[in-house]
N, C-alpha and C. Protein backbone atom coordinates (compact mmCIF):
# COMPACT_ATOMS: atom_id res chain seq x y z
N MET A 1 -75.18 -70.03 46.69
CA MET A 1 -75.49 -71.39 47.18
C MET A 1 -76.46 -71.30 48.36
N VAL A 2 -77.54 -72.06 48.29
CA VAL A 2 -78.54 -72.05 49.34
C VAL A 2 -78.04 -72.86 50.54
N LYS A 3 -78.13 -72.27 51.72
CA LYS A 3 -77.67 -72.93 52.94
C LYS A 3 -78.83 -73.53 53.72
N ILE A 4 -78.50 -74.43 54.65
CA ILE A 4 -79.52 -75.01 55.53
C ILE A 4 -80.24 -73.91 56.29
N SER A 5 -79.47 -72.94 56.78
CA SER A 5 -80.08 -71.85 57.56
C SER A 5 -81.10 -71.07 56.75
N ASP A 6 -80.83 -70.88 55.45
CA ASP A 6 -81.76 -70.16 54.59
C ASP A 6 -83.08 -70.91 54.45
N VAL A 7 -82.98 -72.22 54.25
CA VAL A 7 -84.18 -73.03 54.05
C VAL A 7 -84.98 -73.12 55.35
N VAL A 8 -84.30 -73.31 56.47
CA VAL A 8 -84.99 -73.38 57.77
C VAL A 8 -85.72 -72.08 58.03
N ARG A 9 -85.05 -70.96 57.79
CA ARG A 9 -85.67 -69.64 58.02
C ARG A 9 -86.89 -69.45 57.13
N GLU A 10 -86.78 -69.89 55.89
CA GLU A 10 -87.89 -69.75 54.95
C GLU A 10 -89.09 -70.59 55.37
N LEU A 11 -88.86 -71.84 55.76
CA LEU A 11 -89.95 -72.73 56.17
C LEU A 11 -90.67 -72.20 57.41
N ILE A 12 -89.91 -71.70 58.36
CA ILE A 12 -90.52 -71.17 59.58
C ILE A 12 -91.30 -69.90 59.28
N ALA A 13 -90.74 -69.02 58.46
CA ALA A 13 -91.41 -67.75 58.14
C ALA A 13 -92.71 -67.97 57.38
N GLN A 14 -92.78 -69.05 56.60
CA GLN A 14 -93.97 -69.33 55.80
C GLN A 14 -95.10 -69.94 56.62
N ASN A 15 -94.82 -70.39 57.81
CA ASN A 15 -95.82 -71.07 58.63
C ASN A 15 -96.02 -70.31 59.95
N PRO A 16 -97.15 -69.60 60.10
CA PRO A 16 -97.38 -68.82 61.32
C PRO A 16 -97.36 -69.65 62.60
N HIS A 17 -97.82 -70.91 62.51
CA HIS A 17 -97.83 -71.76 63.70
C HIS A 17 -96.41 -72.11 64.14
N LEU A 18 -95.52 -72.35 63.17
CA LEU A 18 -94.14 -72.66 63.51
C LEU A 18 -93.43 -71.43 64.08
N SER A 19 -93.65 -70.27 63.48
CA SER A 19 -93.00 -69.05 63.99
C SER A 19 -93.52 -68.70 65.38
N PHE A 20 -94.80 -68.90 65.60
CA PHE A 20 -95.38 -68.65 66.93
C PHE A 20 -94.79 -69.62 67.95
N GLY A 21 -94.68 -70.90 67.56
CA GLY A 21 -94.13 -71.89 68.47
C GLY A 21 -92.70 -71.61 68.85
N LEU A 22 -91.89 -71.18 67.89
CA LEU A 22 -90.50 -70.83 68.19
C LEU A 22 -90.42 -69.62 69.10
N ALA A 23 -91.20 -68.60 68.80
CA ALA A 23 -91.16 -67.37 69.60
C ALA A 23 -91.53 -67.63 71.05
N ASN A 24 -92.41 -68.61 71.27
CA ASN A 24 -92.87 -68.90 72.62
C ASN A 24 -92.23 -70.15 73.22
N ARG A 25 -91.25 -70.71 72.52
CA ARG A 25 -90.48 -71.85 73.00
C ARG A 25 -91.36 -73.03 73.42
N ILE A 26 -92.31 -73.38 72.58
CA ILE A 26 -93.22 -74.47 72.94
C ILE A 26 -92.92 -75.76 72.17
N PHE A 27 -91.90 -75.72 71.31
CA PHE A 27 -91.56 -76.91 70.52
C PHE A 27 -90.42 -77.70 71.16
N ASN A 28 -90.46 -79.01 70.96
CA ASN A 28 -89.30 -79.86 71.16
C ASN A 28 -88.49 -79.74 69.87
N LEU A 29 -87.36 -79.02 69.93
CA LEU A 29 -86.62 -78.71 68.72
C LEU A 29 -86.06 -79.95 68.02
N THR A 30 -85.75 -80.96 68.80
CA THR A 30 -85.24 -82.20 68.19
C THR A 30 -86.32 -82.84 67.31
N GLN A 31 -87.52 -82.92 67.83
CA GLN A 31 -88.62 -83.48 67.05
C GLN A 31 -88.95 -82.59 65.85
N LEU A 32 -88.90 -81.27 66.06
CA LEU A 32 -89.17 -80.36 64.96
C LEU A 32 -88.13 -80.52 63.85
N ALA A 33 -86.87 -80.74 64.23
CA ALA A 33 -85.81 -80.94 63.25
C ALA A 33 -86.09 -82.17 62.39
N HIS A 34 -86.52 -83.26 63.01
CA HIS A 34 -86.85 -84.47 62.25
C HIS A 34 -88.07 -84.24 61.35
N PHE A 35 -89.01 -83.44 61.84
CA PHE A 35 -90.21 -83.13 61.05
C PHE A 35 -89.86 -82.34 59.79
N LEU A 36 -88.93 -81.39 59.93
CA LEU A 36 -88.56 -80.53 58.81
C LEU A 36 -87.55 -81.17 57.86
N GLN A 37 -86.87 -82.20 58.33
CA GLN A 37 -85.78 -82.81 57.56
C GLN A 37 -86.16 -83.17 56.12
N PRO A 38 -87.28 -83.88 55.87
CA PRO A 38 -87.62 -84.23 54.48
C PRO A 38 -87.84 -83.00 53.60
N MET A 39 -88.48 -81.98 54.12
CA MET A 39 -88.74 -80.77 53.33
C MET A 39 -87.45 -80.04 53.00
N ILE A 40 -86.54 -80.01 53.95
CA ILE A 40 -85.26 -79.34 53.73
C ILE A 40 -84.43 -80.09 52.71
N GLU A 41 -84.45 -81.41 52.79
CA GLU A 41 -83.67 -82.22 51.84
C GLU A 41 -84.21 -82.08 50.41
N VAL A 42 -85.52 -81.93 50.29
CA VAL A 42 -86.10 -81.73 48.95
C VAL A 42 -85.63 -80.40 48.37
N LYS A 43 -85.62 -79.36 49.18
CA LYS A 43 -85.22 -78.04 48.70
C LYS A 43 -83.72 -77.98 48.39
N LEU A 44 -82.92 -78.66 49.20
CA LEU A 44 -81.46 -78.63 48.99
C LEU A 44 -80.98 -79.72 48.03
N LYS A 45 -81.86 -80.71 47.80
CA LYS A 45 -81.54 -81.83 46.92
C LYS A 45 -80.31 -82.61 47.41
N LYS A 46 -80.26 -82.79 48.71
CA LYS A 46 -79.20 -83.60 49.31
C LYS A 46 -79.60 -84.00 50.72
N GLU A 47 -78.92 -84.98 51.28
CA GLU A 47 -79.21 -85.40 52.64
C GLU A 47 -78.69 -84.37 53.64
N VAL A 48 -79.47 -84.20 54.71
CA VAL A 48 -79.11 -83.23 55.75
C VAL A 48 -79.24 -83.91 57.10
N ARG A 49 -78.27 -83.74 57.96
CA ARG A 49 -78.31 -84.34 59.29
C ARG A 49 -79.27 -83.56 60.20
N PRO A 50 -80.08 -84.27 60.99
CA PRO A 50 -80.98 -83.60 61.94
C PRO A 50 -80.23 -82.67 62.90
N SER A 51 -79.02 -83.03 63.26
CA SER A 51 -78.24 -82.20 64.19
C SER A 51 -77.95 -80.82 63.59
N ALA A 52 -77.73 -80.78 62.26
CA ALA A 52 -77.48 -79.49 61.60
C ALA A 52 -78.74 -78.63 61.60
N ILE A 53 -79.88 -79.29 61.39
CA ILE A 53 -81.16 -78.56 61.42
C ILE A 53 -81.43 -78.05 62.83
N LEU A 54 -81.16 -78.91 63.82
CA LEU A 54 -81.38 -78.54 65.21
C LEU A 54 -80.57 -77.32 65.60
N MET A 55 -79.32 -77.26 65.17
CA MET A 55 -78.47 -76.12 65.48
C MET A 55 -79.06 -74.82 64.91
N ASN A 56 -79.55 -74.89 63.69
CA ASN A 56 -80.14 -73.71 63.06
C ASN A 56 -81.47 -73.31 63.71
N LEU A 57 -82.25 -74.30 64.10
CA LEU A 57 -83.50 -74.02 64.80
C LEU A 57 -83.24 -73.33 66.13
N SER A 58 -82.22 -73.79 66.84
CA SER A 58 -81.88 -73.19 68.13
C SER A 58 -81.51 -71.72 67.98
N ARG A 59 -80.70 -71.41 66.97
CA ARG A 59 -80.31 -70.02 66.72
C ARG A 59 -81.52 -69.18 66.32
N LEU A 60 -82.35 -69.75 65.45
CA LEU A 60 -83.52 -69.02 64.97
C LEU A 60 -84.50 -68.76 66.10
N GLN A 61 -84.64 -69.73 67.01
CA GLN A 61 -85.55 -69.56 68.14
C GLN A 61 -85.11 -68.39 69.02
N GLN A 62 -83.84 -68.25 69.24
CA GLN A 62 -83.33 -67.13 70.03
C GLN A 62 -83.70 -65.80 69.39
N ASN A 63 -83.58 -65.71 68.06
CA ASN A 63 -83.93 -64.48 67.37
C ASN A 63 -85.43 -64.19 67.45
N TYR A 64 -86.25 -65.23 67.27
CA TYR A 64 -87.70 -65.05 67.33
C TYR A 64 -88.13 -64.61 68.72
N ALA A 65 -87.53 -65.20 69.74
CA ALA A 65 -87.89 -64.86 71.12
C ALA A 65 -87.53 -63.41 71.43
N LYS A 66 -86.37 -62.95 70.94
CA LYS A 66 -85.97 -61.56 71.16
C LYS A 66 -86.91 -60.60 70.45
N GLU A 67 -87.27 -60.92 69.20
CA GLU A 67 -88.16 -60.06 68.42
C GLU A 67 -89.55 -60.00 69.05
N ALA A 68 -90.00 -61.12 69.61
CA ALA A 68 -91.33 -61.16 70.21
C ALA A 68 -91.43 -60.20 71.39
N LYS A 69 -90.36 -60.08 72.16
CA LYS A 69 -90.36 -59.19 73.31
C LYS A 69 -90.44 -57.72 72.89
N LEU A 70 -89.98 -57.43 71.65
CA LEU A 70 -89.99 -56.05 71.17
C LEU A 70 -91.30 -55.66 70.51
N LYS A 71 -92.14 -56.64 70.22
CA LYS A 71 -93.40 -56.34 69.57
C LYS A 71 -94.35 -55.61 70.51
N PRO A 72 -95.18 -54.70 69.98
CA PRO A 72 -96.08 -53.93 70.83
C PRO A 72 -97.17 -54.79 71.44
N GLN A 73 -97.70 -54.36 72.55
CA GLN A 73 -98.79 -55.07 73.20
C GLN A 73 -100.11 -54.58 72.61
N PHE A 74 -100.90 -55.50 72.10
CA PHE A 74 -102.21 -55.15 71.59
C PHE A 74 -103.22 -55.18 72.73
N GLN A 75 -104.22 -54.34 72.62
CA GLN A 75 -105.27 -54.30 73.63
C GLN A 75 -106.64 -54.24 72.95
N ILE A 76 -107.62 -54.76 73.63
CA ILE A 76 -109.01 -54.68 73.16
C ILE A 76 -109.76 -53.71 74.05
N GLU A 77 -110.46 -52.77 73.45
CA GLU A 77 -111.21 -51.80 74.25
C GLU A 77 -112.49 -52.41 74.82
N ASN A 78 -113.12 -53.27 74.01
CA ASN A 78 -114.40 -53.83 74.45
C ASN A 78 -114.74 -55.06 73.61
N ILE A 79 -115.35 -56.06 74.25
CA ILE A 79 -115.85 -57.23 73.55
C ILE A 79 -117.34 -57.37 73.84
N THR A 80 -118.14 -57.42 72.78
CA THR A 80 -119.59 -57.57 72.92
C THR A 80 -120.02 -58.87 72.27
N ILE A 81 -120.95 -59.56 72.92
CA ILE A 81 -121.47 -60.81 72.36
C ILE A 81 -122.90 -60.60 71.89
N GLN A 82 -123.17 -61.02 70.67
CA GLN A 82 -124.53 -61.01 70.12
C GLN A 82 -124.92 -62.47 69.87
N SER A 83 -125.91 -62.93 70.60
CA SER A 83 -126.27 -64.35 70.54
C SER A 83 -127.51 -64.59 69.70
N ASN A 84 -127.85 -65.87 69.55
CA ASN A 84 -129.07 -66.32 68.86
C ASN A 84 -129.14 -65.83 67.42
N LEU A 85 -128.02 -66.02 66.70
CA LEU A 85 -127.96 -65.62 65.31
C LEU A 85 -127.99 -66.84 64.39
N VAL A 86 -128.34 -66.61 63.13
CA VAL A 86 -128.26 -67.63 62.09
C VAL A 86 -127.55 -67.00 60.90
N THR A 87 -126.99 -67.82 60.04
CA THR A 87 -126.35 -67.32 58.83
C THR A 87 -126.85 -68.08 57.61
N ARG A 88 -126.97 -67.35 56.52
CA ARG A 88 -127.37 -67.92 55.24
C ARG A 88 -126.44 -67.38 54.15
N THR A 89 -125.97 -68.26 53.28
CA THR A 89 -125.13 -67.86 52.16
C THR A 89 -125.85 -68.21 50.86
N TYR A 90 -125.96 -67.21 49.97
CA TYR A 90 -126.66 -67.39 48.71
C TYR A 90 -125.72 -67.12 47.53
N TYR A 91 -125.99 -67.78 46.42
CA TYR A 91 -125.27 -67.46 45.20
C TYR A 91 -125.60 -66.02 44.79
N LYS A 92 -124.61 -65.34 44.27
CA LYS A 92 -124.78 -63.92 43.95
C LYS A 92 -125.38 -63.73 42.56
N ASN A 93 -126.50 -63.01 42.51
CA ASN A 93 -127.10 -62.56 41.26
C ASN A 93 -127.99 -61.37 41.58
N ASN A 94 -128.49 -60.71 40.56
CA ASN A 94 -129.27 -59.48 40.77
C ASN A 94 -130.53 -59.74 41.58
N ARG A 95 -131.17 -60.88 41.33
CA ARG A 95 -132.41 -61.18 42.04
C ARG A 95 -132.15 -61.39 43.53
N THR A 96 -131.13 -62.19 43.83
CA THR A 96 -130.80 -62.44 45.24
C THR A 96 -130.40 -61.15 45.94
N GLU A 97 -129.63 -60.31 45.27
CA GLU A 97 -129.20 -59.06 45.88
C GLU A 97 -130.39 -58.19 46.25
N ALA A 98 -131.37 -58.10 45.37
CA ALA A 98 -132.57 -57.31 45.66
C ALA A 98 -133.35 -57.90 46.83
N GLN A 99 -133.43 -59.22 46.89
CA GLN A 99 -134.17 -59.88 47.97
C GLN A 99 -133.46 -59.70 49.32
N VAL A 100 -132.13 -59.84 49.32
CA VAL A 100 -131.36 -59.66 50.56
C VAL A 100 -131.46 -58.22 51.04
N GLU A 101 -131.42 -57.27 50.11
CA GLU A 101 -131.54 -55.86 50.50
C GLU A 101 -132.90 -55.58 51.12
N ALA A 102 -133.95 -56.18 50.57
CA ALA A 102 -135.30 -56.02 51.14
C ALA A 102 -135.38 -56.63 52.52
N LEU A 103 -134.75 -57.80 52.69
CA LEU A 103 -134.72 -58.44 54.02
C LEU A 103 -133.97 -57.57 55.01
N SER A 104 -132.87 -56.97 54.57
CA SER A 104 -132.09 -56.10 55.44
C SER A 104 -132.94 -54.96 55.98
N HIS A 105 -133.69 -54.30 55.11
CA HIS A 105 -134.56 -53.19 55.54
C HIS A 105 -135.63 -53.68 56.50
N ALA A 106 -136.22 -54.86 56.21
CA ALA A 106 -137.29 -55.38 57.05
C ALA A 106 -136.79 -55.70 58.45
N VAL A 107 -135.61 -56.30 58.56
CA VAL A 107 -135.06 -56.65 59.87
C VAL A 107 -134.71 -55.40 60.65
N ARG A 108 -134.08 -54.42 59.99
CA ARG A 108 -133.66 -53.21 60.69
C ARG A 108 -134.85 -52.35 61.10
N GLU A 109 -135.91 -52.40 60.33
CA GLU A 109 -137.13 -51.69 60.72
C GLU A 109 -137.71 -52.26 62.02
N ARG A 110 -137.40 -53.52 62.28
CA ARG A 110 -137.87 -54.18 63.50
C ARG A 110 -136.79 -54.17 64.59
N ASN A 111 -135.79 -53.29 64.42
CA ASN A 111 -134.69 -53.13 65.39
C ASN A 111 -133.91 -54.42 65.60
N GLY A 112 -133.75 -55.19 64.54
CA GLY A 112 -133.03 -56.44 64.64
C GLY A 112 -131.59 -56.33 64.17
N TYR A 113 -130.81 -57.32 64.52
CA TYR A 113 -129.40 -57.39 64.11
C TYR A 113 -129.34 -57.97 62.71
N PHE A 114 -128.56 -57.32 61.84
CA PHE A 114 -128.40 -57.82 60.47
C PHE A 114 -127.00 -57.52 59.97
N GLY A 115 -126.28 -58.55 59.53
CA GLY A 115 -124.97 -58.39 58.93
C GLY A 115 -124.99 -58.93 57.52
N TRP A 116 -124.24 -58.29 56.64
CA TRP A 116 -124.27 -58.66 55.22
C TRP A 116 -122.86 -58.59 54.66
N ASN A 117 -122.31 -59.74 54.27
CA ASN A 117 -121.01 -59.81 53.62
C ASN A 117 -121.20 -60.15 52.16
N GLU A 118 -120.60 -59.37 51.30
CA GLU A 118 -120.76 -59.59 49.86
C GLU A 118 -119.42 -59.92 49.23
N GLY A 119 -119.33 -61.08 48.60
CA GLY A 119 -118.12 -61.48 47.90
C GLY A 119 -118.30 -61.40 46.40
N MET A 120 -117.38 -61.97 45.66
CA MET A 120 -117.46 -61.95 44.20
C MET A 120 -118.61 -62.82 43.69
N ASN A 121 -118.87 -63.93 44.40
CA ASN A 121 -119.86 -64.90 43.92
C ASN A 121 -120.95 -65.24 44.92
N GLU A 122 -120.87 -64.66 46.12
CA GLU A 122 -121.82 -65.05 47.18
C GLU A 122 -122.27 -63.84 48.00
N HIS A 123 -123.47 -63.99 48.57
CA HIS A 123 -123.96 -63.10 49.61
C HIS A 123 -124.05 -63.92 50.90
N ALA A 124 -123.46 -63.44 51.98
CA ALA A 124 -123.60 -64.10 53.28
C ALA A 124 -124.31 -63.13 54.21
N VAL A 125 -125.43 -63.56 54.78
CA VAL A 125 -126.19 -62.71 55.68
C VAL A 125 -126.28 -63.37 57.05
N ILE A 126 -126.23 -62.54 58.07
CA ILE A 126 -126.31 -63.01 59.45
C ILE A 126 -127.38 -62.18 60.15
N PHE A 127 -128.34 -62.86 60.78
CA PHE A 127 -129.43 -62.13 61.45
C PHE A 127 -129.94 -62.97 62.61
N GLU A 128 -130.80 -62.36 63.41
CA GLU A 128 -131.34 -63.05 64.59
C GLU A 128 -132.28 -64.18 64.17
N GLY A 129 -132.23 -65.25 64.94
CA GLY A 129 -133.03 -66.42 64.62
C GLY A 129 -134.53 -66.14 64.60
N ARG A 130 -134.95 -65.11 65.32
CA ARG A 130 -136.39 -64.80 65.36
C ARG A 130 -136.91 -64.29 64.01
N PHE A 131 -135.97 -63.99 63.09
CA PHE A 131 -136.38 -63.50 61.77
C PHE A 131 -136.28 -64.59 60.69
N LEU A 132 -136.18 -65.84 61.10
CA LEU A 132 -136.04 -66.91 60.11
C LEU A 132 -137.24 -66.98 59.17
N GLU A 133 -138.43 -66.95 59.72
CA GLU A 133 -139.63 -67.02 58.86
C GLU A 133 -139.70 -65.80 57.95
N LEU A 134 -139.32 -64.65 58.47
CA LEU A 134 -139.32 -63.43 57.67
C LEU A 134 -138.33 -63.55 56.51
N SER A 135 -137.19 -64.16 56.78
CA SER A 135 -136.17 -64.31 55.73
C SER A 135 -136.67 -65.18 54.58
N GLU A 136 -137.46 -66.17 54.91
CA GLU A 136 -137.99 -67.06 53.88
C GLU A 136 -139.05 -66.38 53.02
N VAL A 137 -139.68 -65.36 53.58
CA VAL A 137 -140.65 -64.58 52.82
C VAL A 137 -139.94 -63.69 51.81
N TYR A 138 -138.84 -63.06 52.25
CA TYR A 138 -138.14 -62.09 51.40
C TYR A 138 -137.15 -62.73 50.44
N VAL A 139 -136.51 -63.81 50.85
CA VAL A 139 -135.50 -64.45 50.00
C VAL A 139 -135.98 -65.85 49.62
N GLN A 140 -136.34 -66.00 48.35
CA GLN A 140 -136.88 -67.28 47.88
C GLN A 140 -135.79 -68.24 47.40
N GLU A 141 -134.57 -67.74 47.24
CA GLU A 141 -133.49 -68.59 46.77
C GLU A 141 -133.10 -69.64 47.81
N GLU A 142 -132.68 -70.80 47.34
CA GLU A 142 -132.20 -71.84 48.24
C GLU A 142 -130.79 -71.48 48.69
N PRO A 143 -130.53 -71.45 49.99
CA PRO A 143 -129.18 -71.07 50.46
C PRO A 143 -128.14 -72.12 50.09
N LYS A 144 -126.95 -71.64 49.76
CA LYS A 144 -125.81 -72.51 49.47
C LYS A 144 -125.28 -73.11 50.75
N PHE A 145 -125.38 -72.35 51.84
CA PHE A 145 -124.90 -72.79 53.16
C PHE A 145 -125.76 -72.12 54.22
N LYS A 146 -126.00 -72.84 55.32
CA LYS A 146 -126.74 -72.24 56.43
C LYS A 146 -126.23 -72.80 57.75
N HIS A 147 -126.32 -71.98 58.78
CA HIS A 147 -125.92 -72.38 60.13
C HIS A 147 -126.89 -71.72 61.10
N ASP A 148 -127.53 -72.51 61.92
CA ASP A 148 -128.60 -72.00 62.78
C ASP A 148 -128.20 -71.83 64.24
N SER A 149 -126.91 -71.91 64.54
CA SER A 149 -126.46 -71.76 65.93
C SER A 149 -125.19 -70.92 65.96
N VAL A 150 -125.36 -69.62 65.77
CA VAL A 150 -124.23 -68.71 65.62
C VAL A 150 -124.28 -67.59 66.65
N SER A 151 -123.12 -67.18 67.10
CA SER A 151 -122.98 -66.02 67.97
C SER A 151 -121.91 -65.10 67.37
N ALA A 152 -122.05 -63.82 67.64
CA ALA A 152 -121.08 -62.84 67.13
C ALA A 152 -120.22 -62.33 68.28
N LEU A 153 -118.93 -62.29 68.03
CA LEU A 153 -117.97 -61.71 68.98
C LEU A 153 -117.52 -60.39 68.36
N ILE A 154 -118.02 -59.28 68.90
CA ILE A 154 -117.76 -57.96 68.33
C ILE A 154 -116.65 -57.29 69.14
N ILE A 155 -115.50 -57.08 68.49
CA ILE A 155 -114.29 -56.62 69.17
C ILE A 155 -114.00 -55.18 68.77
N LYS A 156 -113.99 -54.29 69.74
CA LYS A 156 -113.65 -52.88 69.51
C LYS A 156 -112.19 -52.69 69.89
N PHE A 157 -111.41 -52.09 68.97
CA PHE A 157 -109.98 -51.92 69.23
C PHE A 157 -109.56 -50.49 68.88
N PRO A 158 -108.43 -50.02 69.41
CA PRO A 158 -107.96 -48.66 69.15
C PRO A 158 -107.77 -48.40 67.66
N LYS A 159 -108.15 -47.22 67.22
CA LYS A 159 -108.09 -46.89 65.79
C LYS A 159 -106.66 -46.92 65.24
N GLU A 160 -105.67 -46.77 66.12
CA GLU A 160 -104.26 -46.78 65.66
C GLU A 160 -103.88 -48.13 65.04
N TYR A 161 -104.59 -49.20 65.42
CA TYR A 161 -104.25 -50.53 64.91
C TYR A 161 -104.54 -50.67 63.42
N ALA A 162 -105.34 -49.77 62.86
CA ALA A 162 -105.65 -49.84 61.43
C ALA A 162 -104.39 -49.70 60.58
N ASP A 163 -103.36 -49.03 61.12
CA ASP A 163 -102.10 -48.84 60.39
C ASP A 163 -100.97 -49.68 60.96
N GLN A 164 -101.31 -50.62 61.83
CA GLN A 164 -100.29 -51.41 62.51
C GLN A 164 -100.51 -52.89 62.23
N PRO A 165 -99.58 -53.56 61.54
CA PRO A 165 -99.77 -54.97 61.19
C PRO A 165 -99.82 -55.88 62.42
N GLY A 166 -100.63 -56.93 62.32
CA GLY A 166 -100.56 -57.99 63.31
C GLY A 166 -101.75 -58.15 64.23
N PHE A 167 -102.59 -57.11 64.38
CA PHE A 167 -103.66 -57.23 65.37
C PHE A 167 -104.68 -58.30 65.01
N LEU A 168 -105.24 -58.23 63.79
CA LEU A 168 -106.25 -59.21 63.40
C LEU A 168 -105.67 -60.62 63.36
N TYR A 169 -104.42 -60.72 62.95
CA TYR A 169 -103.76 -62.03 62.97
C TYR A 169 -103.70 -62.57 64.39
N THR A 170 -103.40 -61.70 65.35
CA THR A 170 -103.30 -62.13 66.74
C THR A 170 -104.65 -62.62 67.25
N VAL A 171 -105.72 -61.93 66.86
CA VAL A 171 -107.07 -62.36 67.26
C VAL A 171 -107.38 -63.74 66.69
N LEU A 172 -107.18 -63.90 65.38
CA LEU A 172 -107.51 -65.17 64.73
C LEU A 172 -106.59 -66.30 65.20
N ARG A 173 -105.33 -65.98 65.47
CA ARG A 173 -104.41 -66.99 65.99
C ARG A 173 -104.86 -67.48 67.36
N THR A 174 -105.31 -66.56 68.20
CA THR A 174 -105.79 -66.93 69.53
C THR A 174 -106.96 -67.89 69.43
N LEU A 175 -107.90 -67.60 68.54
CA LEU A 175 -109.05 -68.48 68.36
C LEU A 175 -108.63 -69.84 67.79
N ALA A 176 -107.71 -69.81 66.83
CA ALA A 176 -107.26 -71.06 66.20
C ALA A 176 -106.54 -71.97 67.20
N LEU A 177 -105.76 -71.37 68.08
CA LEU A 177 -105.04 -72.16 69.08
C LEU A 177 -105.98 -72.86 70.06
N HIS A 178 -107.21 -72.33 70.17
CA HIS A 178 -108.22 -72.97 71.03
C HIS A 178 -109.19 -73.82 70.20
N ASN A 179 -108.80 -74.07 68.93
CA ASN A 179 -109.60 -74.91 68.04
C ASN A 179 -111.01 -74.36 67.82
N ILE A 180 -111.11 -73.04 67.73
CA ILE A 180 -112.39 -72.37 67.52
C ILE A 180 -112.49 -71.95 66.05
N ASN A 181 -113.52 -72.43 65.38
CA ASN A 181 -113.70 -72.13 63.97
C ASN A 181 -114.45 -70.81 63.78
N VAL A 182 -113.96 -69.97 62.88
CA VAL A 182 -114.63 -68.73 62.53
C VAL A 182 -115.48 -68.99 61.29
N ILE A 183 -116.80 -68.92 61.44
CA ILE A 183 -117.72 -69.22 60.34
C ILE A 183 -117.76 -68.08 59.33
N GLU A 184 -117.87 -66.86 59.84
CA GLU A 184 -117.84 -65.65 59.03
C GLU A 184 -117.07 -64.59 59.81
N ALA A 185 -116.60 -63.57 59.10
CA ALA A 185 -115.91 -62.47 59.77
C ALA A 185 -116.08 -61.20 58.96
N THR A 186 -116.07 -60.08 59.65
CA THR A 186 -116.15 -58.79 58.97
C THR A 186 -115.43 -57.75 59.83
N SER A 187 -114.96 -56.69 59.20
CA SER A 187 -114.25 -55.66 59.96
C SER A 187 -114.54 -54.28 59.41
N THR A 188 -114.40 -53.28 60.28
CA THR A 188 -114.48 -51.88 59.91
C THR A 188 -113.22 -51.21 60.45
N TYR A 189 -113.22 -49.90 60.48
CA TYR A 189 -112.02 -49.16 60.85
C TYR A 189 -111.46 -49.55 62.22
N SER A 190 -112.32 -49.66 63.21
CA SER A 190 -111.84 -50.00 64.56
C SER A 190 -112.70 -51.06 65.22
N GLU A 191 -113.25 -51.95 64.40
CA GLU A 191 -114.12 -53.01 64.95
C GLU A 191 -113.97 -54.26 64.09
N PHE A 192 -113.89 -55.39 64.76
CA PHE A 192 -113.78 -56.68 64.08
C PHE A 192 -114.83 -57.62 64.67
N THR A 193 -115.57 -58.28 63.79
CA THR A 193 -116.62 -59.21 64.24
C THR A 193 -116.32 -60.61 63.72
N ALA A 194 -116.27 -61.56 64.65
CA ALA A 194 -116.08 -62.96 64.30
C ALA A 194 -117.36 -63.71 64.63
N TYR A 195 -117.89 -64.42 63.66
CA TYR A 195 -119.10 -65.22 63.86
C TYR A 195 -118.67 -66.67 64.08
N ILE A 196 -119.04 -67.22 65.22
CA ILE A 196 -118.61 -68.56 65.58
C ILE A 196 -119.80 -69.37 66.09
N ASP A 197 -119.61 -70.67 66.19
CA ASP A 197 -120.67 -71.53 66.71
C ASP A 197 -120.98 -71.17 68.15
N ARG A 198 -122.26 -71.19 68.48
CA ARG A 198 -122.72 -70.77 69.80
C ARG A 198 -122.04 -71.55 70.93
N LYS A 199 -121.73 -72.82 70.69
CA LYS A 199 -121.13 -73.63 71.75
C LYS A 199 -119.71 -73.17 72.11
N ASP A 200 -119.07 -72.42 71.22
CA ASP A 200 -117.70 -71.97 71.46
C ASP A 200 -117.61 -70.54 71.99
N ILE A 201 -118.74 -69.87 72.16
CA ILE A 201 -118.71 -68.44 72.44
C ILE A 201 -118.05 -68.12 73.78
N GLN A 202 -118.32 -68.90 74.81
CA GLN A 202 -117.75 -68.62 76.12
C GLN A 202 -116.24 -68.82 76.12
N LEU A 203 -115.80 -69.91 75.49
CA LEU A 203 -114.37 -70.18 75.39
C LEU A 203 -113.68 -69.08 74.60
N ALA A 204 -114.29 -68.64 73.50
CA ALA A 204 -113.70 -67.59 72.67
C ALA A 204 -113.57 -66.29 73.45
N PHE A 205 -114.59 -65.94 74.18
CA PHE A 205 -114.56 -64.71 74.97
C PHE A 205 -113.45 -64.76 76.01
N GLU A 206 -113.38 -65.87 76.73
CA GLU A 206 -112.37 -66.00 77.79
C GLU A 206 -110.95 -66.02 77.20
N ALA A 207 -110.79 -66.69 76.06
CA ALA A 207 -109.46 -66.78 75.44
C ALA A 207 -108.97 -65.40 75.00
N LEU A 208 -109.84 -64.61 74.39
CA LEU A 208 -109.44 -63.27 73.94
C LEU A 208 -109.23 -62.33 75.11
N GLU A 209 -110.07 -62.44 76.10
CA GLU A 209 -109.91 -61.59 77.29
C GLU A 209 -108.57 -61.86 77.96
N LEU A 210 -108.20 -63.12 78.07
CA LEU A 210 -106.92 -63.47 78.69
C LEU A 210 -105.74 -63.03 77.82
N ALA A 211 -105.85 -63.26 76.50
CA ALA A 211 -104.76 -62.95 75.59
C ALA A 211 -104.47 -61.46 75.51
N PHE A 212 -105.50 -60.63 75.61
CA PHE A 212 -105.32 -59.20 75.41
C PHE A 212 -105.29 -58.40 76.70
N THR A 213 -105.23 -59.10 77.83
CA THR A 213 -104.96 -58.43 79.09
C THR A 213 -103.55 -58.78 79.57
N GLN A 214 -102.84 -59.57 78.74
CA GLN A 214 -101.46 -59.91 79.00
C GLN A 214 -100.63 -59.46 77.80
N VAL A 215 -99.34 -59.57 77.91
CA VAL A 215 -98.47 -59.16 76.82
C VAL A 215 -98.67 -60.11 75.65
N SER A 216 -99.00 -59.57 74.48
CA SER A 216 -99.17 -60.37 73.28
C SER A 216 -97.86 -60.47 72.53
N VAL A 217 -97.71 -61.54 71.74
CA VAL A 217 -96.49 -61.70 70.95
C VAL A 217 -96.88 -61.89 69.49
């Protein structure tokens, strides 16, 4: 038989924002209980009193808070900002791939910044705005998406984090809590790059610097 506690635990575990809020005690649990009540009643197929939900939320919050204190502290070794970038996304085909590869060589020959993300159906390229005219020479395809005011936040982190869950989530959660949109992202073994709108770059830098010089949860 499914219990209220089981459903509450499941709903919180499925939502990172709710689990984060409980761990940091930032919710009004009474209001949260009323918010969850309809979802819980649907799953249990019966009416549930808010007071019963509140009791389970209170217990669960204590567990989340204890677990948060036991989680390791993440640190950032270095944050670098690359400004004055633009991004272009193209539909993926052999012709576009050849054109993007040619553009990549041309930009790098000029000591420029060039990033290239390849998905199943798209190519996303990020390069300095000073190469816009050059890009139009090499890539004749019409972009599916473009953004002309982008900055890169390049985050260097300890290599041990590659085998430790939670670091990239913590970075993205920090940005999301400050309402900062990540336009593109890429990662390597010990480096993560988030491409965001230029107007948000200072806030993003300060938010990450503050978050990773204090105990993370």
